[in-house]
């Protein structure tokens, strides 16, 4: 399971800038809570191949009359979700009363690792600018300039070095015995069923299991946590992960629902295959696309199921298929099924695709085979010239599974256009008969 890092602090200290540095994108899930005007953002980051979830919280105002309420609703919610806390302050403002209030709260009530991050040290003597923040009581401050991406690597190194046992410890305390047992079953294909609320995820789980194993109720947000359910089908072991629905911006009000976003992101990381459920009776929403983007970013195999298909006319079915072709082009590698979880139509066919994409994602790929495919691809379509000299692609080997990683060695490969890289990806996919999984191409330069 992934570590969760929360960024807290007063307004305008640079929390969102740091969030963007850590996630390397602005495409994050955003959740509003009733009574607050500031958003809480969720995103995925990675440091030296170690993925994590990061939460950007709204700033805590210095209005003393509202401080206690803001702390309980804004800071405590993010802290409860997190394993690690980044307490952010502004080097140019120095220690403020609001900083001291937040520090007192963190010191007295929080038993999690807290890292004091002093931002905006660009143009300043970092040691001098950070000195007064020792008074907040969190040891050596970490100095950064988030807007210039200075000190970010050092910050992450310090976090992961000092909390290197945190992930395994938090897993053991948060997971049930059943979940830990499931996680240890390497032969079990874990399938996370995700999608917006009320698309029929729990109904589909019950249909697959053939029993009322999961509570089903016609109201968005019934499922509050990710539920791990082991079962066997035709001699194959699976674990279904039934996740809470992730709502669109402005629709997450309750604290308990905010936990479900983190749980869903963790379920994606924990799964081998993601079964993404779309409501066929509604338009493909922006939230669907954001969730699919997170699945693509995670590298997990993907099967898409369009639910509630039985109740649609032929005209509506054709219109929806055209919309899916247009809006889901970025996950064109995924198989799409049209089902009715309530009546069972098409549900049995889902596992043919689940087995196929799982096999594709974990397929053993030999160096001779990959090199032959690379040579054939180059023979059909040569790489472009760079400065009058041809880019040379010499050989390829496997670099990992789930998703398949293909490492290509050659000269001047850093100049290889993205379009040619995409061409290679398509050739490998077609030749190796890989379906439902992204392919990662990594390039390695050789000395000339």
Protein backbone atom coordinates (compact mmCIF):
# COMPACT_ATOMS: atom_id res chain seq x y z
CA UNK A 1 0.00 0.00 0.00
CA UNK A 2 1.19 3.51 -0.77
CA UNK A 3 2.38 6.06 1.79
CA UNK A 4 0.20 9.19 1.94
CA UNK A 5 1.86 12.60 2.35
CA UNK A 6 -0.22 15.61 3.47
CA UNK A 7 0.95 19.21 2.98
CA UNK A 8 -0.42 21.60 5.61
CA UNK A 9 0.18 25.24 6.48
CA UNK A 10 -1.34 28.69 6.29
CA UNK A 11 -2.36 30.33 2.98
CA UNK A 12 0.17 31.41 0.35
CA UNK A 13 3.19 29.57 1.67
CA UNK A 14 3.46 27.55 -1.57
CA UNK A 15 1.63 24.32 -0.76
CA UNK A 16 0.05 23.96 -4.19
CA UNK A 17 3.34 24.72 -5.91
CA UNK A 18 5.00 21.94 -3.92
CA UNK A 19 2.06 19.66 -4.71
CA UNK A 20 2.62 20.27 -8.42
CA UNK A 21 6.34 19.56 -8.02
CA UNK A 22 5.68 16.26 -6.27
CA UNK A 23 2.97 15.06 -8.66
CA UNK A 24 4.48 16.64 -11.81
CA UNK A 25 0.95 17.41 -12.96
CA UNK A 26 -2.07 19.52 -12.15
CA UNK A 27 -4.45 16.71 -13.11
CA UNK A 28 -5.49 15.65 -9.61
CA UNK A 29 -8.73 14.70 -7.95
CA UNK A 30 -10.22 17.66 -6.12
CA UNK A 31 -12.63 17.38 -3.21
CA UNK A 32 -14.56 20.16 -1.48
CA UNK A 33 -15.94 19.88 2.05
CA UNK A 34 -19.08 21.72 3.12
CA UNK A 35 -18.33 25.01 4.86
CA UNK A 36 -14.87 25.43 3.39
CA UNK A 37 -13.99 27.59 0.41
CA UNK A 38 -10.64 25.96 -0.27
CA UNK A 39 -10.08 22.67 -2.08
CA UNK A 40 -8.21 19.58 -1.03
CA UNK A 41 -6.35 17.97 -3.92
CA UNK A 42 -5.16 14.39 -4.31
CA UNK A 43 -2.42 13.26 -6.67
CA UNK A 44 0.17 10.56 -7.27
CA UNK A 45 3.91 11.08 -7.12
CA UNK A 46 6.95 8.88 -7.52
CA UNK A 47 10.48 9.08 -6.17
CA UNK A 48 13.16 6.65 -7.33
CA UNK A 49 10.45 4.18 -8.42
CA UNK A 50 8.65 4.50 -5.06
CA UNK A 51 5.08 5.75 -5.67
CA UNK A 52 3.13 7.74 -3.09
CA UNK A 53 -0.07 9.75 -2.71
CA UNK A 54 0.14 13.45 -1.87
CA UNK A 55 -2.64 15.67 -0.49
CA UNK A 56 -2.65 19.44 -0.91
CA UNK A 57 -4.81 21.10 1.74
CA UNK A 58 -6.39 24.53 1.80
CA UNK A 59 -4.58 27.21 3.76
CA UNK A 60 -5.45 27.80 7.40
CA UNK A 61 -6.52 31.39 7.93
CA UNK A 62 -5.13 33.58 10.70
CA UNK A 63 -8.64 34.57 11.83
CA UNK A 64 -8.46 33.52 15.47
CA UNK A 65 -12.22 33.18 15.82
CA UNK A 66 -12.35 30.58 13.09
CA UNK A 67 -9.03 28.85 13.79
CA UNK A 68 -10.23 25.90 15.87
CA UNK A 69 -12.99 25.03 13.42
CA UNK A 70 -10.65 25.28 10.46
CA UNK A 71 -8.05 23.07 12.14
CA UNK A 72 -10.62 20.37 12.96
CA UNK A 73 -12.13 20.33 9.47
CA UNK A 74 -9.15 21.04 7.24
CA UNK A 75 -5.93 19.97 8.90
CA UNK A 76 -7.23 17.04 10.95
CA UNK A 77 -8.96 15.47 7.96
CA UNK A 78 -5.79 15.52 5.88
CA UNK A 79 -3.66 14.39 8.81
CA UNK A 80 -5.99 11.47 9.56
CA UNK A 81 -5.64 10.28 5.97
CA UNK A 82 -1.88 10.65 5.88
CA UNK A 83 1.17 8.71 7.01
CA UNK A 84 3.59 11.65 6.68
CA UNK A 85 2.98 15.39 7.23
CA UNK A 86 4.81 18.26 5.54
CA UNK A 87 4.34 21.43 7.61
CA UNK A 88 5.09 24.29 5.24
CA UNK A 89 6.15 27.83 6.19
CA UNK A 90 7.33 30.92 4.31
CA UNK A 91 10.99 31.95 4.70
CA UNK A 92 10.20 35.53 3.70
CA UNK A 93 7.47 36.01 6.30
CA UNK A 94 9.30 34.35 9.18
CA UNK A 95 7.41 32.66 12.02
CA UNK A 96 3.84 33.95 12.26
CA UNK A 97 1.21 33.43 14.97
CA UNK A 98 -0.67 31.07 12.62
CA UNK A 99 2.52 29.01 12.14
CA UNK A 100 2.88 28.73 15.92
CA UNK A 101 -0.75 27.66 16.34
CA UNK A 102 -0.40 24.93 13.73
CA UNK A 103 2.91 23.80 15.23
CA UNK A 104 1.34 23.54 18.71
CA UNK A 105 -1.46 21.42 17.30
CA UNK A 106 0.92 19.10 15.47
CA UNK A 107 3.29 18.71 18.44
CA UNK A 108 0.62 18.01 21.03
CA UNK A 109 -1.83 15.80 19.19
CA UNK A 110 -0.17 14.16 16.21
CA UNK A 111 1.89 10.99 16.51
CA UNK A 112 3.02 10.85 12.87
CA UNK A 113 6.28 12.01 11.28
CA UNK A 114 6.22 15.79 10.69
CA UNK A 115 8.75 17.47 8.40
CA UNK A 116 9.12 21.26 8.61
CA UNK A 117 9.52 22.67 5.09
CA UNK A 118 10.75 26.26 4.71
CA UNK A 119 9.75 27.52 1.27
CA UNK A 120 10.77 30.54 -0.84
CA UNK A 121 14.46 30.53 0.08
CA UNK A 122 15.41 31.59 -3.47
CA UNK A 123 17.65 34.66 -3.25
CA UNK A 124 18.16 34.17 0.49
CA UNK A 125 20.82 32.57 2.63
CA UNK A 126 19.02 29.29 3.38
CA UNK A 127 20.73 28.71 6.72
CA UNK A 128 19.97 32.21 7.97
CA UNK A 129 16.40 32.23 6.63
CA UNK A 130 15.60 28.87 8.24
CA UNK A 131 17.21 29.54 11.61
CA UNK A 132 14.23 31.13 13.34
CA UNK A 133 11.97 28.18 12.44
CA UNK A 134 13.86 25.93 14.88
CA UNK A 135 11.62 27.54 17.51
CA UNK A 136 8.64 25.60 16.13
CA UNK A 137 10.10 22.42 17.59
CA UNK A 138 10.45 20.08 14.62
CA UNK A 139 14.22 19.83 14.39
CA UNK A 140 16.17 20.78 11.28
CA UNK A 141 13.99 22.62 8.75
CA UNK A 142 14.21 21.52 5.12
CA UNK A 143 14.79 24.52 2.85
CA UNK A 144 13.28 24.57 -0.65
CA UNK A 145 12.24 26.91 -3.44
CA UNK A 146 9.20 25.10 -4.82
CA UNK A 147 8.59 27.59 -7.64
CA UNK A 148 12.10 26.84 -8.97
CA UNK A 149 11.98 23.13 -7.97
CA UNK A 150 15.04 23.58 -5.78
CA UNK A 151 15.50 21.23 -2.84
CA UNK A 152 12.65 18.89 -3.88
CA UNK A 153 14.90 15.87 -4.39
CA UNK A 154 16.60 16.48 -1.03
CA UNK A 155 13.19 16.79 0.64
CA UNK A 156 12.00 13.44 -0.77
CA UNK A 157 15.29 11.75 0.11
CA UNK A 158 14.96 12.89 3.72
CA UNK A 159 11.33 11.74 3.88
CA UNK A 160 12.00 8.27 2.51
CA UNK A 161 15.23 7.72 4.45
CA UNK A 162 13.70 8.67 7.80
CA UNK A 163 10.41 6.80 7.23
CA UNK A 164 11.76 3.77 5.38
CA UNK A 165 9.80 1.34 7.59
CA UNK A 166 6.65 3.43 7.66
CA UNK A 167 4.84 1.87 4.70
CA UNK A 168 5.08 -1.69 5.98
CA UNK A 169 4.11 -0.64 9.52
CA UNK A 170 1.07 1.33 8.38
CA UNK A 171 -0.07 -1.56 6.19
CA UNK A 172 -0.01 -3.93 9.14
CA UNK A 173 -1.98 -1.60 11.39
CA UNK A 174 -4.59 -0.51 8.84
CA UNK A 175 -5.27 -3.78 7.04
CA UNK A 176 -7.45 -6.56 8.41
CA UNK A 177 -6.05 -10.07 8.79
CA UNK A 178 -8.04 -11.12 5.71
CA UNK A 179 -6.61 -8.26 3.63
CA UNK A 180 -3.05 -9.07 4.69
CA UNK A 181 -3.63 -12.72 3.81
CA UNK A 182 -4.95 -11.72 0.38
CA UNK A 183 -1.97 -9.45 -0.22
CA UNK A 184 0.36 -12.39 0.41
CA UNK A 185 -1.32 -14.56 -2.24
CA UNK A 186 0.98 -13.98 -5.20
CA UNK A 187 -1.07 -16.36 -7.38
CA UNK A 188 -4.23 -14.27 -6.93
CA UNK A 189 -5.06 -11.76 -9.66
CA UNK A 190 -6.30 -8.63 -7.91
CA UNK A 191 -9.05 -6.79 -9.79
CA UNK A 192 -10.03 -3.30 -8.59
CA UNK A 193 -13.52 -2.22 -9.65
CA UNK A 194 -13.56 1.58 -9.81
CA UNK A 195 -15.79 4.34 -11.14
CA UNK A 196 -17.97 7.22 -10.09
CA UNK A 197 -20.64 6.67 -7.40
CA UNK A 198 -23.84 4.85 -8.32
CA UNK A 199 -22.56 3.30 -11.54
CA UNK A 200 -23.26 -0.18 -10.16
CA UNK A 201 -19.92 -1.34 -8.75
CA UNK A 202 -21.33 -3.23 -5.76
CA UNK A 203 -24.12 -4.69 -7.89
CA UNK A 204 -21.46 -6.01 -10.27
CA UNK A 205 -19.47 -7.50 -7.38
CA UNK A 206 -22.55 -9.34 -6.13
CA UNK A 207 -23.33 -10.57 -9.64
CA UNK A 208 -19.78 -11.90 -10.03
CA UNK A 209 -19.85 -13.61 -6.63
CA UNK A 210 -23.40 -14.88 -7.02
CA UNK A 211 -24.40 -13.67 -3.57
CA UNK A 212 -25.28 -10.52 -1.64
CA UNK A 213 -21.73 -10.19 -0.33
CA UNK A 214 -21.57 -6.39 -0.66
CA UNK A 215 -24.24 -3.93 0.51
CA UNK A 216 -26.12 -2.49 -2.46
CA UNK A 217 -28.27 0.61 -2.05
CA UNK A 218 -29.51 3.04 -4.67
CA UNK A 219 -27.69 6.04 -3.27
CA UNK A 220 -24.27 7.41 -4.27
CA UNK A 221 -21.49 6.81 -1.75
CA UNK A 222 -22.85 3.64 -0.09
CA UNK A 223 -19.42 1.99 -0.19
CA UNK A 224 -17.11 3.85 2.22
CA UNK A 225 -13.97 1.75 2.00
CA UNK A 226 -12.19 -0.62 -0.37
CA UNK A 227 -13.29 -4.19 0.35
CA UNK A 228 -10.99 -7.10 -0.59
CA UNK A 229 -12.95 -10.25 -1.51
CA UNK A 230 -11.06 -13.44 -2.47
CA UNK A 231 -12.86 -16.00 -4.65
CA UNK A 232 -12.18 -18.77 -7.15
CA UNK A 233 -13.56 -19.06 -10.66
CA UNK A 234 -12.87 -22.08 -12.87
CA UNK A 235 -9.75 -22.96 -10.92
CA UNK A 236 -8.31 -19.44 -11.05
CA UNK A 237 -7.87 -17.41 -7.87
CA UNK A 238 -8.95 -13.76 -7.88
CA UNK A 239 -9.33 -10.96 -5.39
CA UNK A 240 -12.04 -8.44 -6.17
CA UNK A 241 -11.43 -4.99 -4.71
CA UNK A 242 -14.75 -3.15 -4.42
CA UNK A 243 -13.95 0.54 -4.09
CA UNK A 244 -15.92 3.55 -2.99
CA UNK A 245 -17.10 5.81 -5.81
CA UNK A 246 -15.03 8.93 -6.43
CA UNK A 247 -17.27 11.96 -6.92
CA UNK A 248 -16.65 14.92 -9.15
CA UNK A 249 -15.37 18.29 -7.91
CA UNK A 250 -17.66 19.93 -5.37
CA UNK A 251 -19.53 16.75 -4.41
CA UNK A 252 -17.43 15.33 -1.60
CA UNK A 253 -18.81 16.79 1.61
CA UNK A 254 -18.35 14.24 4.37
CA UNK A 255 -15.02 13.54 5.99
CA UNK A 256 -15.60 9.81 5.68
CA UNK A 257 -15.98 10.12 1.90
CA UNK A 258 -12.64 11.87 1.65
CA UNK A 259 -11.01 8.72 3.01
CA UNK A 260 -12.59 6.81 0.12
CA UNK A 261 -10.60 8.80 -2.45
CA UNK A 262 -7.30 7.74 -0.91
CA UNK A 263 -8.54 4.17 -0.58
CA UNK A 264 -9.49 4.10 -4.26
CA UNK A 265 -6.10 5.44 -5.32
CA UNK A 266 -4.43 2.82 -3.15
CA UNK A 267 -6.65 0.09 -4.63
CA UNK A 268 -5.50 1.06 -8.13
CA UNK A 269 -1.88 0.72 -7.05
CA UNK A 270 -2.57 -2.60 -5.31
CA UNK A 271 -4.44 -4.15 -8.26
CA UNK A 272 -3.12 -6.13 -11.20
CA UNK A 273 -6.14 -5.27 -13.34
CA UNK A 274 -8.48 -2.27 -13.09
CA UNK A 275 -12.09 -2.85 -14.14
CA UNK A 276 -13.42 0.62 -14.88
CA UNK A 277 -17.20 0.93 -14.74
CA UNK A 278 -19.09 3.62 -16.67
CA UNK A 279 -22.82 4.37 -16.43
CA UNK A 280 -24.20 3.85 -19.93
CA UNK A 281 -27.21 6.02 -19.16
CA UNK A 282 -25.04 9.08 -18.49
CA UNK A 283 -22.51 11.05 -20.49
CA UNK A 284 -18.83 10.26 -20.08
CA UNK A 285 -17.89 12.80 -17.40
CA UNK A 286 -14.70 14.72 -16.77
CA UNK A 287 -14.28 12.71 -13.58
CA UNK A 288 -14.30 9.48 -15.62
CA UNK A 289 -11.46 10.85 -17.73
CA UNK A 290 -9.46 11.95 -14.68
CA UNK A 291 -9.81 8.54 -13.07
CA UNK A 292 -8.81 6.82 -16.31
CA UNK A 293 -5.82 9.14 -16.47
CA UNK A 294 -4.74 7.96 -13.02
CA UNK A 295 -5.10 4.33 -14.12
CA UNK A 296 -2.97 5.03 -17.21
CA UNK A 297 -0.38 6.81 -15.06
CA UNK A 298 -0.24 3.84 -12.68
CA UNK A 299 0.54 1.48 -15.58
CA UNK A 300 -2.11 -1.03 -14.57
CA UNK A 301 -3.99 -3.24 -17.03
CA UNK A 302 -7.43 -1.95 -17.89
CA UNK A 303 -10.83 -3.35 -18.84
CA UNK A 304 -13.72 -0.93 -19.38
CA UNK A 305 -17.33 -1.97 -18.76
CA UNK A 306 -20.29 0.18 -19.76
CA UNK A 307 -23.10 -0.70 -17.36
CA UNK A 308 -26.92 -0.39 -17.55
CA UNK A 309 -26.79 -1.25 -21.26
CA UNK A 310 -30.06 -3.23 -21.37
CA UNK A 311 -32.29 -0.21 -20.95
CA UNK A 312 -30.93 1.74 -23.91
CA UNK A 313 -32.37 2.05 -27.41
CA UNK A 314 -30.33 1.13 -30.50
CA UNK A 315 -29.92 4.83 -31.28
CA UNK A 316 -28.60 5.57 -27.77
CA UNK A 317 -26.21 2.61 -27.93
CA UNK A 318 -24.72 3.78 -31.19
CA UNK A 319 -24.37 7.35 -29.93
CA UNK A 320 -22.59 6.19 -26.75
CA UNK A 321 -20.20 3.97 -28.72
CA UNK A 322 -19.24 6.95 -30.88
CA UNK A 323 -18.68 9.10 -27.78
CA UNK A 324 -16.49 6.41 -26.21
CA UNK A 325 -14.38 6.15 -29.37
CA UNK A 326 -13.91 9.93 -29.34
CA UNK A 327 -13.26 10.57 -25.64
CA UNK A 328 -11.33 7.43 -24.65
CA UNK A 329 -8.78 7.51 -27.45
CA UNK A 330 -5.96 7.86 -24.90
CA UNK A 331 -6.79 4.38 -23.53
CA UNK A 332 -7.55 2.81 -26.91
CA UNK A 333 -5.58 -0.29 -25.86
CA UNK A 334 -8.35 -1.22 -23.36
CA UNK A 335 -11.12 -3.67 -24.18
CA UNK A 336 -14.66 -2.33 -23.77
CA UNK A 337 -17.63 -4.47 -22.69
CA UNK A 338 -21.29 -3.52 -22.62
CA UNK A 339 -23.05 -5.13 -19.67
CA UNK A 340 -25.94 -5.11 -17.24
CA UNK A 341 -24.70 -5.85 -13.73
CA UNK A 342 -28.30 -6.06 -12.50
CA UNK A 343 -29.42 -8.67 -15.02
CA UNK A 344 -26.06 -10.33 -15.65
CA UNK A 345 -25.89 -9.57 -19.37
CA UNK A 346 -22.28 -9.71 -20.60
CA UNK A 347 -20.79 -10.09 -17.11
CA UNK A 348 -19.35 -13.54 -17.82
CA UNK A 349 -17.33 -12.17 -20.74
CA UNK A 350 -15.51 -9.73 -18.47
CA UNK A 351 -13.28 -12.47 -17.10
CA UNK A 352 -12.10 -13.47 -20.57
CA UNK A 353 -10.68 -9.98 -20.91
CA UNK A 354 -9.44 -9.83 -17.31
CA UNK A 355 -7.48 -13.06 -17.82
CA UNK A 356 -6.18 -11.86 -21.18
CA UNK A 357 -4.95 -8.46 -19.99
CA UNK A 358 -3.42 -9.98 -16.84
CA UNK A 359 -1.54 -12.48 -18.99
CA UNK A 360 -0.40 -9.67 -21.29
CA UNK A 361 0.81 -7.50 -18.41
CA UNK A 362 2.82 -10.32 -16.82
CA UNK A 363 4.07 -12.05 -19.97
CA UNK A 364 7.70 -13.15 -19.95
CA UNK A 365 9.58 -11.39 -22.73
CA UNK A 366 13.01 -12.65 -23.82
CA UNK A 367 15.84 -10.45 -25.04
CA UNK A 368 16.24 -12.29 -28.40
CA UNK A 369 12.52 -11.94 -29.13
CA UNK A 370 12.39 -8.25 -28.27
CA UNK A 371 15.54 -7.53 -30.26
CA UNK A 372 14.13 -9.31 -33.34
CA UNK A 373 10.94 -7.24 -33.10
CA UNK A 374 13.00 -4.05 -32.74
CA UNK A 375 15.10 -4.95 -35.80
CA UNK A 376 11.96 -5.64 -37.83
CA UNK A 377 10.42 -2.32 -36.74
CA UNK A 378 13.57 -0.40 -37.73
CA UNK A 379 13.69 -2.24 -41.05
CA UNK A 380 10.11 -1.19 -41.83
CA UNK A 381 10.57 2.40 -40.68
CA UNK A 382 14.01 3.89 -39.96
CA UNK A 383 14.51 6.34 -37.07
CA UNK A 384 14.99 9.96 -38.23
CA UNK A 385 18.27 11.75 -38.82
CA UNK A 386 19.62 14.01 -36.07
CA UNK A 387 22.18 16.57 -37.16
CA UNK A 388 22.68 14.58 -40.36
CA UNK A 389 23.35 11.34 -38.47
CA UNK A 390 20.97 8.42 -38.02
CA UNK A 391 19.72 7.38 -34.57
CA UNK A 392 20.83 3.77 -34.01
CA UNK A 393 18.63 1.32 -32.06
CA UNK A 394 20.71 -1.79 -31.33
CA UNK A 395 18.89 -4.21 -29.02
CA UNK A 396 16.03 -4.49 -26.52
CA UNK A 397 15.32 -6.38 -23.32
CA UNK A 398 12.58 -6.60 -20.71
CA UNK A 399 12.78 -4.13 -17.84
CA UNK A 400 9.74 -5.16 -15.80
CA UNK A 401 6.17 -6.44 -15.78
CA UNK A 402 2.71 -5.07 -15.03
CA UNK A 403 3.10 -2.91 -17.08
CA UNK A 404 5.58 -4.44 -19.54
CA UNK A 405 8.72 -2.31 -19.69
CA UNK A 406 10.89 -2.61 -22.79
CA UNK A 407 14.38 -1.15 -22.54
CA UNK A 408 15.97 -0.17 -25.86
CA UNK A 409 19.71 0.50 -26.17
CA UNK A 410 21.25 2.61 -28.90
CA UNK A 411 23.07 5.81 -29.81
CA UNK A 412 21.59 9.31 -29.80
CA UNK A 413 18.35 7.84 -28.42
CA UNK A 414 17.68 10.95 -26.33
CA UNK A 415 16.76 12.66 -29.62
CA UNK A 416 14.22 9.99 -30.59
CA UNK A 417 10.88 11.73 -31.30
CA UNK A 418 7.81 10.82 -29.25
CA UNK A 419 6.03 9.81 -32.47
CA UNK A 420 8.67 7.16 -33.24
CA UNK A 421 8.54 5.93 -29.67
CA UNK A 422 4.77 5.53 -30.07
CA UNK A 423 5.37 3.66 -33.32
CA UNK A 424 7.67 1.21 -31.53
CA UNK A 425 5.10 0.75 -28.78
CA UNK A 426 2.44 -0.14 -31.34
CA UNK A 427 4.76 -2.60 -33.13
CA UNK A 428 5.62 -4.36 -29.85
CA UNK A 429 1.96 -4.46 -28.83
CA UNK A 430 0.79 -5.94 -32.14
CA UNK A 431 3.63 -8.44 -32.53
CA UNK A 432 3.48 -9.68 -28.93
CA UNK A 433 -0.36 -9.71 -28.93
CA UNK A 434 -0.47 -7.55 -25.81
CA UNK A 435 -3.96 -6.28 -24.99
CA UNK A 436 -5.37 -4.11 -22.24
CA UNK A 437 -2.05 -2.98 -20.84
CA UNK A 438 0.08 0.11 -21.39
CA UNK A 439 3.65 -0.48 -22.55
CA UNK A 440 6.54 1.57 -21.20
CA UNK A 441 9.46 2.19 -23.58
CA UNK A 442 12.70 3.17 -21.86
CA UNK A 443 15.74 4.35 -23.85
CA UNK A 444 19.37 3.81 -22.88
CA UNK A 445 22.23 5.62 -24.61
CA UNK A 446 25.44 3.81 -25.49
CA UNK A 447 28.80 5.49 -25.97
CA UNK A 448 29.74 5.99 -29.62
